[in-house]
Amino acid sequence: MALLYTRLLCRRNVDFRHFRNIYTCSSLSTTVSKPLLSHTTCESYDEKNMRLKRPLSPHLTIYEYQLTAVLSITHRTTGIILASYAMFLGLGTLFIPGGIPCFIETMNNLCLPMPVLFAGKTLLALPATFHIFAGMRHLTWDSGMFLSIKEVYLTGYAVTALSVISALVLATM
């Protein structure tokens, strides 16, 4: 009896109607297995959708980015960048002979053109200034101010403008 149930469970098309139990007195019926196809192809989900001519789901290519989402992601990214600044500056004092003053002197000895230095300083200052102003924006939100959609967008544009202006000012120093 156990062998019959094992054989039944190991089949491809398990049908629980064939099980006998206390309440049924019918005998086990026999079924004929379908012959296996000699060549079976597995199609992916995308291939099946293309074959059925289904449209693609909405994707990032048709998504219109919102200022609030972009600024939120940028705020997190600048936090990661600032943490890496701190880590590399800390490791730089350990591994650079002479420390950070030696690195600054080496940069001066390279005689880089002024626009290259200005762009480099701006790229170093921009994450810090953006993170500071975006943090202030979040603190004002925590106090319950500037929470309407119009004010959220207005503060977003203000944070972006203030961070770029202050990064440019810091780069001139």
N, C-alpha and C. Protein backbone atom coordinates (compact mmCIF):
# COMPACT_ATOMS: atom_id res chain seq x y z
N MET A 1 0.82 -1.18 0.00
CA MET A 1 0.00 0.00 0.00
C MET A 1 0.87 1.25 0.00
N ALA A 2 1.94 1.24 0.82
CA ALA A 2 2.83 2.39 0.88
C ALA A 2 3.51 2.62 -0.45
N LEU A 3 3.84 1.54 -1.15
CA LEU A 3 4.47 1.68 -2.46
C LEU A 3 3.53 2.32 -3.47
N LEU A 4 2.25 2.00 -3.37
CA LEU A 4 1.29 2.61 -4.29
C LEU A 4 1.20 4.11 -4.06
N TYR A 5 1.17 4.52 -2.79
CA TYR A 5 1.12 5.95 -2.49
C TYR A 5 2.41 6.66 -2.90
N THR A 6 3.54 6.01 -2.71
CA THR A 6 4.81 6.61 -3.10
C THR A 6 4.87 6.78 -4.61
N ARG A 7 4.43 5.76 -5.34
CA ARG A 7 4.41 5.85 -6.79
C ARG A 7 3.47 6.96 -7.25
N LEU A 8 2.37 7.10 -6.56
CA LEU A 8 1.40 8.13 -6.90
C LEU A 8 1.97 9.53 -6.64
N LEU A 9 2.69 9.71 -5.55
CA LEU A 9 3.26 11.01 -5.22
C LEU A 9 4.42 11.39 -6.13
N CYS A 10 5.13 10.39 -6.64
CA CYS A 10 6.29 10.66 -7.48
C CYS A 10 5.92 10.97 -8.93
N ARG A 11 4.69 10.82 -9.28
CA ARG A 11 4.26 11.15 -10.64
C ARG A 11 4.31 12.64 -10.87
N ARG A 12 4.34 13.03 -12.11
CA ARG A 12 4.34 14.46 -12.45
C ARG A 12 3.00 15.10 -12.16
N ASN A 13 1.93 14.44 -12.51
CA ASN A 13 0.61 15.02 -12.34
C ASN A 13 -0.07 14.37 -11.15
N VAL A 14 0.20 14.92 -9.98
CA VAL A 14 -0.38 14.37 -8.76
C VAL A 14 -1.83 14.82 -8.68
N ASP A 15 -2.71 13.87 -8.53
CA ASP A 15 -4.12 14.17 -8.40
C ASP A 15 -4.61 13.50 -7.12
N PHE A 16 -5.03 14.29 -6.17
CA PHE A 16 -5.37 13.75 -4.86
C PHE A 16 -6.72 13.04 -4.84
N ARG A 17 -7.42 13.01 -5.97
CA ARG A 17 -8.67 12.26 -6.03
C ARG A 17 -8.41 10.76 -5.98
N HIS A 18 -7.19 10.36 -6.28
CA HIS A 18 -6.88 8.94 -6.33
C HIS A 18 -6.58 8.37 -4.95
N PHE A 19 -6.47 9.21 -3.95
CA PHE A 19 -6.21 8.70 -2.61
C PHE A 19 -7.49 8.12 -2.02
N ARG A 20 -7.35 6.98 -1.39
CA ARG A 20 -8.47 6.40 -0.67
C ARG A 20 -8.38 6.84 0.78
N ASN A 21 -9.49 7.06 1.37
CA ASN A 21 -9.49 7.38 2.79
C ASN A 21 -10.60 6.62 3.49
N ILE A 22 -10.86 6.99 4.70
CA ILE A 22 -11.84 6.26 5.51
C ILE A 22 -13.24 6.35 4.91
N TYR A 23 -13.56 7.48 4.31
CA TYR A 23 -14.93 7.73 3.88
C TYR A 23 -15.23 7.22 2.48
N THR A 24 -14.23 6.81 1.74
CA THR A 24 -14.49 6.31 0.39
C THR A 24 -14.22 4.82 0.34
N CYS A 25 -14.95 4.15 -0.48
CA CYS A 25 -14.73 2.71 -0.61
C CYS A 25 -14.38 2.34 -2.05
N SER A 26 -14.16 3.37 -2.88
CA SER A 26 -13.83 3.06 -4.28
C SER A 26 -12.39 2.60 -4.37
N SER A 27 -12.14 1.78 -5.35
CA SER A 27 -10.79 1.28 -5.53
C SER A 27 -9.94 2.33 -6.24
N LEU A 28 -8.65 2.12 -6.18
CA LEU A 28 -7.74 3.05 -6.85
C LEU A 28 -7.92 2.94 -8.35
N SER A 29 -7.98 4.06 -9.01
CA SER A 29 -8.08 4.04 -10.46
C SER A 29 -6.68 4.19 -11.04
N THR A 30 -6.50 3.69 -12.21
CA THR A 30 -5.21 3.80 -12.86
C THR A 30 -5.28 4.86 -13.93
N THR A 31 -4.18 5.58 -14.07
CA THR A 31 -4.10 6.61 -15.11
C THR A 31 -2.92 6.31 -15.99
N VAL A 32 -3.02 6.74 -17.20
CA VAL A 32 -1.94 6.56 -18.16
C VAL A 32 -1.16 7.85 -18.23
N SER A 33 0.14 7.75 -18.06
CA SER A 33 0.99 8.94 -18.12
C SER A 33 1.10 9.43 -19.55
N LYS A 34 1.20 10.74 -19.69
CA LYS A 34 1.42 11.32 -21.01
C LYS A 34 2.86 11.08 -21.41
N PRO A 35 3.09 10.78 -22.66
CA PRO A 35 4.49 10.63 -23.08
C PRO A 35 5.18 12.00 -23.03
N LEU A 36 6.42 11.99 -22.58
CA LEU A 36 7.18 13.23 -22.49
C LEU A 36 7.54 13.73 -23.88
N LEU A 37 7.52 15.03 -24.03
CA LEU A 37 7.94 15.61 -25.30
C LEU A 37 9.44 15.45 -25.44
N SER A 38 9.88 15.19 -26.65
CA SER A 38 11.31 14.96 -26.84
C SER A 38 12.10 16.26 -26.73
N HIS A 39 11.50 17.37 -27.06
CA HIS A 39 12.23 18.64 -27.03
C HIS A 39 11.37 19.68 -26.32
N THR A 40 11.75 19.99 -25.10
CA THR A 40 11.02 21.03 -24.37
C THR A 40 11.91 22.25 -24.25
N THR A 41 11.35 23.40 -24.52
CA THR A 41 12.11 24.64 -24.40
C THR A 41 11.54 25.45 -23.26
N CYS A 42 12.43 26.01 -22.51
CA CYS A 42 12.03 26.89 -21.41
C CYS A 42 12.12 28.32 -21.91
N GLU A 43 11.03 29.02 -21.84
CA GLU A 43 11.08 30.41 -22.25
C GLU A 43 11.03 31.29 -21.01
N SER A 44 11.74 32.38 -21.09
CA SER A 44 11.80 33.28 -19.95
C SER A 44 10.50 34.08 -19.85
N TYR A 45 10.39 34.80 -18.76
CA TYR A 45 9.21 35.62 -18.53
C TYR A 45 9.07 36.69 -19.61
N ASP A 46 10.20 37.31 -19.99
CA ASP A 46 10.16 38.34 -21.03
C ASP A 46 9.79 37.76 -22.39
N GLU A 47 10.34 36.58 -22.71
CA GLU A 47 10.02 35.95 -23.98
C GLU A 47 8.54 35.60 -24.06
N LYS A 48 7.99 35.11 -22.95
CA LYS A 48 6.56 34.78 -22.93
C LYS A 48 5.72 36.03 -23.15
N ASN A 49 6.08 37.13 -22.50
CA ASN A 49 5.32 38.37 -22.67
C ASN A 49 5.44 38.91 -24.08
N MET A 50 6.61 38.77 -24.70
CA MET A 50 6.76 39.22 -26.09
C MET A 50 5.94 38.34 -27.03
N ARG A 51 5.92 37.02 -26.76
CA ARG A 51 5.14 36.11 -27.60
C ARG A 51 3.65 36.41 -27.48
N LEU A 52 3.19 36.76 -26.29
CA LEU A 52 1.78 37.07 -26.08
C LEU A 52 1.45 38.52 -26.41
N LYS A 53 2.45 39.28 -26.86
CA LYS A 53 2.30 40.69 -27.24
C LYS A 53 1.75 41.54 -26.09
N ARG A 54 2.31 41.29 -24.90
CA ARG A 54 1.93 42.10 -23.75
C ARG A 54 2.83 43.31 -23.68
N PRO A 55 2.31 44.44 -23.23
CA PRO A 55 3.17 45.63 -23.13
C PRO A 55 4.12 45.51 -21.95
N LEU A 56 5.23 46.21 -22.06
CA LEU A 56 6.18 46.23 -20.96
C LEU A 56 5.62 47.04 -19.81
N SER A 57 6.00 46.66 -18.61
CA SER A 57 5.57 47.41 -17.44
C SER A 57 6.27 48.76 -17.41
N PRO A 58 5.68 49.74 -16.72
CA PRO A 58 6.37 51.03 -16.59
C PRO A 58 7.74 50.85 -15.94
N HIS A 59 8.68 51.59 -16.43
CA HIS A 59 10.05 51.45 -15.97
C HIS A 59 10.63 52.82 -15.72
N LEU A 60 11.85 52.86 -15.24
CA LEU A 60 12.49 54.13 -14.93
C LEU A 60 12.67 55.02 -16.15
N THR A 61 12.64 54.42 -17.34
CA THR A 61 12.82 55.24 -18.54
C THR A 61 11.63 56.15 -18.79
N ILE A 62 10.45 55.80 -18.29
CA ILE A 62 9.29 56.66 -18.49
C ILE A 62 8.89 57.37 -17.21
N TYR A 63 9.65 57.15 -16.14
CA TYR A 63 9.32 57.77 -14.86
C TYR A 63 9.81 59.21 -14.84
N GLU A 64 8.96 60.12 -14.42
CA GLU A 64 9.36 61.52 -14.31
C GLU A 64 9.86 61.76 -12.89
N TYR A 65 11.13 62.11 -12.77
CA TYR A 65 11.74 62.29 -11.46
C TYR A 65 11.18 63.53 -10.78
N GLN A 66 10.94 63.41 -9.48
CA GLN A 66 10.45 64.53 -8.70
C GLN A 66 11.61 65.14 -7.95
N LEU A 67 11.54 66.44 -7.75
CA LEU A 67 12.61 67.15 -7.05
C LEU A 67 12.81 66.60 -5.65
N THR A 68 11.73 66.28 -4.97
CA THR A 68 11.85 65.80 -3.59
C THR A 68 12.60 64.47 -3.52
N ALA A 69 12.32 63.57 -4.44
CA ALA A 69 13.00 62.28 -4.45
C ALA A 69 14.47 62.44 -4.79
N VAL A 70 14.77 63.28 -5.76
CA VAL A 70 16.16 63.49 -6.17
C VAL A 70 16.95 64.13 -5.03
N LEU A 71 16.37 65.11 -4.35
CA LEU A 71 17.08 65.75 -3.24
C LEU A 71 17.25 64.81 -2.06
N SER A 72 16.30 63.94 -1.82
CA SER A 72 16.44 62.97 -0.74
C SER A 72 17.58 61.99 -1.02
N ILE A 73 17.63 61.48 -2.24
CA ILE A 73 18.71 60.56 -2.60
C ILE A 73 20.05 61.29 -2.58
N THR A 74 20.08 62.53 -3.04
CA THR A 74 21.32 63.31 -3.04
C THR A 74 21.78 63.59 -1.62
N HIS A 75 20.85 63.85 -0.71
CA HIS A 75 21.22 64.09 0.69
C HIS A 75 21.87 62.85 1.29
N ARG A 76 21.33 61.68 1.01
CA ARG A 76 21.94 60.44 1.51
C ARG A 76 23.31 60.21 0.87
N THR A 77 23.40 60.48 -0.43
CA THR A 77 24.66 60.27 -1.14
C THR A 77 25.75 61.20 -0.61
N THR A 78 25.40 62.46 -0.37
CA THR A 78 26.41 63.39 0.16
C THR A 78 26.83 62.99 1.56
N GLY A 79 25.94 62.39 2.34
CA GLY A 79 26.34 61.87 3.65
C GLY A 79 27.37 60.77 3.52
N ILE A 80 27.18 59.89 2.54
CA ILE A 80 28.15 58.81 2.30
C ILE A 80 29.47 59.39 1.82
N ILE A 81 29.41 60.40 0.95
CA ILE A 81 30.63 61.04 0.45
C ILE A 81 31.39 61.70 1.59
N LEU A 82 30.69 62.39 2.48
CA LEU A 82 31.35 63.05 3.61
C LEU A 82 31.97 62.03 4.56
N ALA A 83 31.31 60.90 4.76
CA ALA A 83 31.89 59.85 5.60
C ALA A 83 33.16 59.29 4.96
N SER A 84 33.15 59.16 3.63
CA SER A 84 34.37 58.67 2.97
C SER A 84 35.47 59.72 3.01
N TYR A 85 35.11 61.02 2.95
CA TYR A 85 36.12 62.07 3.14
C TYR A 85 36.81 61.90 4.48
N ALA A 86 36.02 61.74 5.53
CA ALA A 86 36.58 61.60 6.87
C ALA A 86 37.46 60.36 6.97
N MET A 87 37.03 59.27 6.35
CA MET A 87 37.80 58.04 6.42
C MET A 87 39.12 58.19 5.67
N PHE A 88 39.08 58.76 4.45
CA PHE A 88 40.30 58.88 3.67
C PHE A 88 41.25 59.93 4.23
N LEU A 89 40.70 60.99 4.81
CA LEU A 89 41.59 61.97 5.45
C LEU A 89 42.25 61.36 6.68
N GLY A 90 41.51 60.55 7.42
CA GLY A 90 42.10 59.88 8.58
C GLY A 90 43.17 58.89 8.17
N LEU A 91 42.89 58.10 7.14
CA LEU A 91 43.89 57.15 6.66
C LEU A 91 45.05 57.87 5.99
N GLY A 92 44.76 59.02 5.38
CA GLY A 92 45.83 59.79 4.74
C GLY A 92 46.86 60.28 5.73
N THR A 93 46.42 60.65 6.91
CA THR A 93 47.39 61.10 7.92
C THR A 93 48.24 59.94 8.40
N LEU A 94 47.76 58.73 8.27
CA LEU A 94 48.55 57.57 8.68
C LEU A 94 49.53 57.13 7.60
N PHE A 95 49.09 57.12 6.35
CA PHE A 95 49.88 56.50 5.30
C PHE A 95 50.67 57.47 4.43
N ILE A 96 50.32 58.74 4.41
CA ILE A 96 51.08 59.70 3.61
C ILE A 96 52.25 60.18 4.47
N PRO A 97 53.47 60.01 3.97
CA PRO A 97 54.60 60.51 4.77
C PRO A 97 54.54 62.03 4.86
N GLY A 98 54.55 62.55 6.04
CA GLY A 98 54.45 63.99 6.23
C GLY A 98 53.03 64.44 6.48
N GLY A 99 52.05 63.55 6.29
CA GLY A 99 50.66 63.87 6.58
C GLY A 99 50.01 64.75 5.52
N ILE A 100 48.93 65.41 5.92
CA ILE A 100 48.15 66.25 5.01
C ILE A 100 48.94 67.48 4.54
N PRO A 101 49.75 68.14 5.40
CA PRO A 101 50.53 69.28 4.89
C PRO A 101 51.46 68.89 3.73
N CYS A 102 52.01 67.70 3.78
CA CYS A 102 52.86 67.22 2.69
C CYS A 102 52.04 67.02 1.42
N PHE A 103 50.81 66.53 1.56
CA PHE A 103 49.92 66.33 0.41
C PHE A 103 49.57 67.67 -0.22
N ILE A 104 49.27 68.68 0.61
CA ILE A 104 48.94 70.01 0.09
C ILE A 104 50.15 70.61 -0.63
N GLU A 105 51.32 70.42 -0.07
CA GLU A 105 52.54 70.93 -0.72
C GLU A 105 52.77 70.22 -2.06
N THR A 106 52.49 68.93 -2.12
CA THR A 106 52.63 68.19 -3.38
C THR A 106 51.65 68.71 -4.42
N MET A 107 50.43 69.02 -4.01
CA MET A 107 49.45 69.59 -4.94
C MET A 107 49.91 70.95 -5.46
N ASN A 108 50.51 71.76 -4.59
CA ASN A 108 51.03 73.06 -5.02
C ASN A 108 52.19 72.89 -5.99
N ASN A 109 53.01 71.88 -5.78
CA ASN A 109 54.17 71.64 -6.66
C ASN A 109 53.76 71.11 -8.03
N LEU A 110 52.54 70.60 -8.17
CA LEU A 110 52.09 70.11 -9.48
C LEU A 110 51.81 71.25 -10.45
N CYS A 111 51.66 72.47 -9.94
CA CYS A 111 51.39 73.65 -10.76
C CYS A 111 50.18 73.44 -11.68
N LEU A 112 49.08 72.98 -11.08
CA LEU A 112 47.86 72.78 -11.85
C LEU A 112 47.27 74.13 -12.24
N PRO A 113 46.62 74.22 -13.41
CA PRO A 113 45.99 75.48 -13.80
C PRO A 113 44.88 75.85 -12.82
N MET A 114 44.63 77.16 -12.73
CA MET A 114 43.65 77.66 -11.77
C MET A 114 42.24 77.09 -12.00
N PRO A 115 41.74 76.94 -13.24
CA PRO A 115 40.40 76.36 -13.42
C PRO A 115 40.30 74.92 -12.91
N VAL A 116 41.37 74.15 -13.05
CA VAL A 116 41.35 72.77 -12.56
C VAL A 116 41.30 72.75 -11.03
N LEU A 117 42.08 73.61 -10.39
CA LEU A 117 42.04 73.70 -8.93
C LEU A 117 40.68 74.17 -8.44
N PHE A 118 40.11 75.16 -9.14
CA PHE A 118 38.80 75.69 -8.75
C PHE A 118 37.72 74.61 -8.87
N ALA A 119 37.76 73.84 -9.97
CA ALA A 119 36.78 72.76 -10.15
C ALA A 119 36.95 71.68 -9.10
N GLY A 120 38.19 71.35 -8.78
CA GLY A 120 38.45 70.34 -7.75
C GLY A 120 37.97 70.78 -6.38
N LYS A 121 38.25 72.04 -6.04
CA LYS A 121 37.79 72.57 -4.75
C LYS A 121 36.27 72.62 -4.68
N THR A 122 35.64 72.99 -5.80
CA THR A 122 34.17 73.03 -5.83
C THR A 122 33.59 71.64 -5.64
N LEU A 123 34.17 70.65 -6.31
CA LEU A 123 33.68 69.28 -6.16
C LEU A 123 33.90 68.74 -4.75
N LEU A 124 34.93 69.21 -4.07
CA LEU A 124 35.14 68.80 -2.68
C LEU A 124 34.18 69.51 -1.73
N ALA A 125 33.85 70.76 -2.02
CA ALA A 125 33.00 71.55 -1.12
C ALA A 125 31.52 71.31 -1.34
N LEU A 126 31.11 70.95 -2.54
CA LEU A 126 29.68 70.83 -2.85
C LEU A 126 28.95 69.79 -2.00
N PRO A 127 29.50 68.59 -1.79
CA PRO A 127 28.76 67.64 -0.93
C PRO A 127 28.58 68.16 0.50
N ALA A 128 29.58 68.84 1.03
CA ALA A 128 29.47 69.35 2.40
C ALA A 128 28.42 70.44 2.50
N THR A 129 28.44 71.38 1.56
CA THR A 129 27.47 72.47 1.64
C THR A 129 26.05 71.97 1.39
N PHE A 130 25.89 71.06 0.43
CA PHE A 130 24.55 70.53 0.17
C PHE A 130 24.02 69.77 1.38
N HIS A 131 24.87 68.97 2.00
CA HIS A 131 24.44 68.17 3.15
C HIS A 131 24.05 69.08 4.32
N ILE A 132 24.79 70.15 4.51
CA ILE A 132 24.47 71.08 5.60
C ILE A 132 23.11 71.74 5.35
N PHE A 133 22.91 72.28 4.16
CA PHE A 133 21.65 72.98 3.88
C PHE A 133 20.45 72.01 3.83
N ALA A 134 20.66 70.82 3.30
CA ALA A 134 19.57 69.84 3.29
C ALA A 134 19.25 69.37 4.71
N GLY A 135 20.27 69.29 5.56
CA GLY A 135 20.04 68.95 6.96
C GLY A 135 19.23 70.03 7.67
N MET A 136 19.53 71.30 7.37
CA MET A 136 18.74 72.39 7.94
C MET A 136 17.29 72.33 7.45
N ARG A 137 17.13 71.96 6.21
CA ARG A 137 15.77 71.83 5.65
C ARG A 137 15.00 70.74 6.39
N HIS A 138 15.66 69.64 6.66
CA HIS A 138 15.00 68.56 7.40
C HIS A 138 14.68 68.98 8.84
N LEU A 139 15.55 69.77 9.44
CA LEU A 139 15.28 70.25 10.80
C LEU A 139 14.07 71.18 10.83
N THR A 140 13.91 72.01 9.78
CA THR A 140 12.72 72.86 9.74
C THR A 140 11.46 72.01 9.54
N TRP A 141 11.58 70.93 8.78
CA TRP A 141 10.44 70.03 8.63
C TRP A 141 10.08 69.38 9.97
N ASP A 142 11.11 69.03 10.74
CA ASP A 142 10.85 68.41 12.05
C ASP A 142 10.14 69.36 12.99
N SER A 143 10.34 70.66 12.79
CA SER A 143 9.65 71.64 13.64
C SER A 143 8.25 71.95 13.11
N GLY A 144 7.88 71.34 11.99
CA GLY A 144 6.52 71.51 11.46
C GLY A 144 6.37 72.65 10.49
N MET A 145 7.46 73.18 9.97
CA MET A 145 7.38 74.31 9.04
C MET A 145 7.68 73.83 7.62
N PHE A 146 7.19 74.58 6.63
CA PHE A 146 7.45 74.35 5.20
C PHE A 146 7.03 72.95 4.75
N LEU A 147 5.85 72.51 5.12
CA LEU A 147 5.42 71.16 4.79
C LEU A 147 4.41 71.08 3.65
N SER A 148 3.96 72.22 3.12
CA SER A 148 3.06 72.15 1.96
C SER A 148 3.90 71.83 0.72
N ILE A 149 3.26 71.33 -0.30
CA ILE A 149 3.98 70.92 -1.51
C ILE A 149 4.72 72.10 -2.12
N LYS A 150 4.08 73.25 -2.17
CA LYS A 150 4.71 74.44 -2.74
C LYS A 150 5.95 74.83 -1.94
N GLU A 151 5.84 74.80 -0.61
CA GLU A 151 6.98 75.17 0.24
C GLU A 151 8.09 74.12 0.18
N VAL A 152 7.73 72.86 0.04
CA VAL A 152 8.73 71.80 -0.07
C VAL A 152 9.57 72.00 -1.33
N TYR A 153 8.91 72.31 -2.44
CA TYR A 153 9.64 72.56 -3.68
C TYR A 153 10.45 73.85 -3.59
N LEU A 154 9.89 74.87 -2.96
CA LEU A 154 10.60 76.14 -2.80
C LEU A 154 11.87 75.95 -1.97
N THR A 155 11.76 75.23 -0.86
CA THR A 155 12.95 74.99 -0.04
C THR A 155 13.94 74.08 -0.76
N GLY A 156 13.45 73.18 -1.61
CA GLY A 156 14.35 72.33 -2.39
C GLY A 156 15.19 73.15 -3.36
N TYR A 157 14.54 74.08 -4.06
CA TYR A 157 15.29 74.95 -4.96
C TYR A 157 16.24 75.85 -4.18
N ALA A 158 15.81 76.32 -3.01
CA ALA A 158 16.67 77.18 -2.19
C ALA A 158 17.89 76.42 -1.70
N VAL A 159 17.70 75.18 -1.27
CA VAL A 159 18.82 74.36 -0.80
C VAL A 159 19.82 74.14 -1.94
N THR A 160 19.31 73.84 -3.11
CA THR A 160 20.20 73.61 -4.26
C THR A 160 20.98 74.87 -4.60
N ALA A 161 20.30 76.01 -4.67
CA ALA A 161 20.97 77.27 -5.02
C ALA A 161 21.98 77.67 -3.94
N LEU A 162 21.58 77.60 -2.68
CA LEU A 162 22.50 77.98 -1.60
C LEU A 162 23.72 77.08 -1.53
N SER A 163 23.53 75.80 -1.77
CA SER A 163 24.68 74.89 -1.70
C SER A 163 25.65 75.14 -2.85
N VAL A 164 25.14 75.41 -4.05
CA VAL A 164 26.04 75.69 -5.18
C VAL A 164 26.77 77.01 -4.95
N ILE A 165 26.05 78.04 -4.52
CA ILE A 165 26.68 79.35 -4.29
C ILE A 165 27.73 79.25 -3.20
N SER A 166 27.41 78.60 -2.09
CA SER A 166 28.38 78.51 -1.00
C SER A 166 29.57 77.62 -1.37
N ALA A 167 29.36 76.59 -2.19
CA ALA A 167 30.49 75.78 -2.65
C ALA A 167 31.41 76.59 -3.55
N LEU A 168 30.83 77.43 -4.40
CA LEU A 168 31.67 78.29 -5.25
C LEU A 168 32.44 79.31 -4.42
N VAL A 169 31.79 79.85 -3.38
CA VAL A 169 32.48 80.80 -2.50
C VAL A 169 33.61 80.11 -1.76
N LEU A 170 33.36 78.90 -1.26
CA LEU A 170 34.42 78.16 -0.56
C LEU A 170 35.56 77.79 -1.50
N ALA A 171 35.26 77.55 -2.76
CA ALA A 171 36.31 77.18 -3.71
C ALA A 171 37.22 78.35 -4.03
N THR A 172 36.74 79.58 -3.86
CA THR A 172 37.59 80.74 -4.14
C THR A 172 38.59 80.99 -3.02
N MET A 173 38.40 80.40 -1.86
CA MET A 173 39.32 80.62 -0.74
C MET A 173 40.61 79.88 -0.92
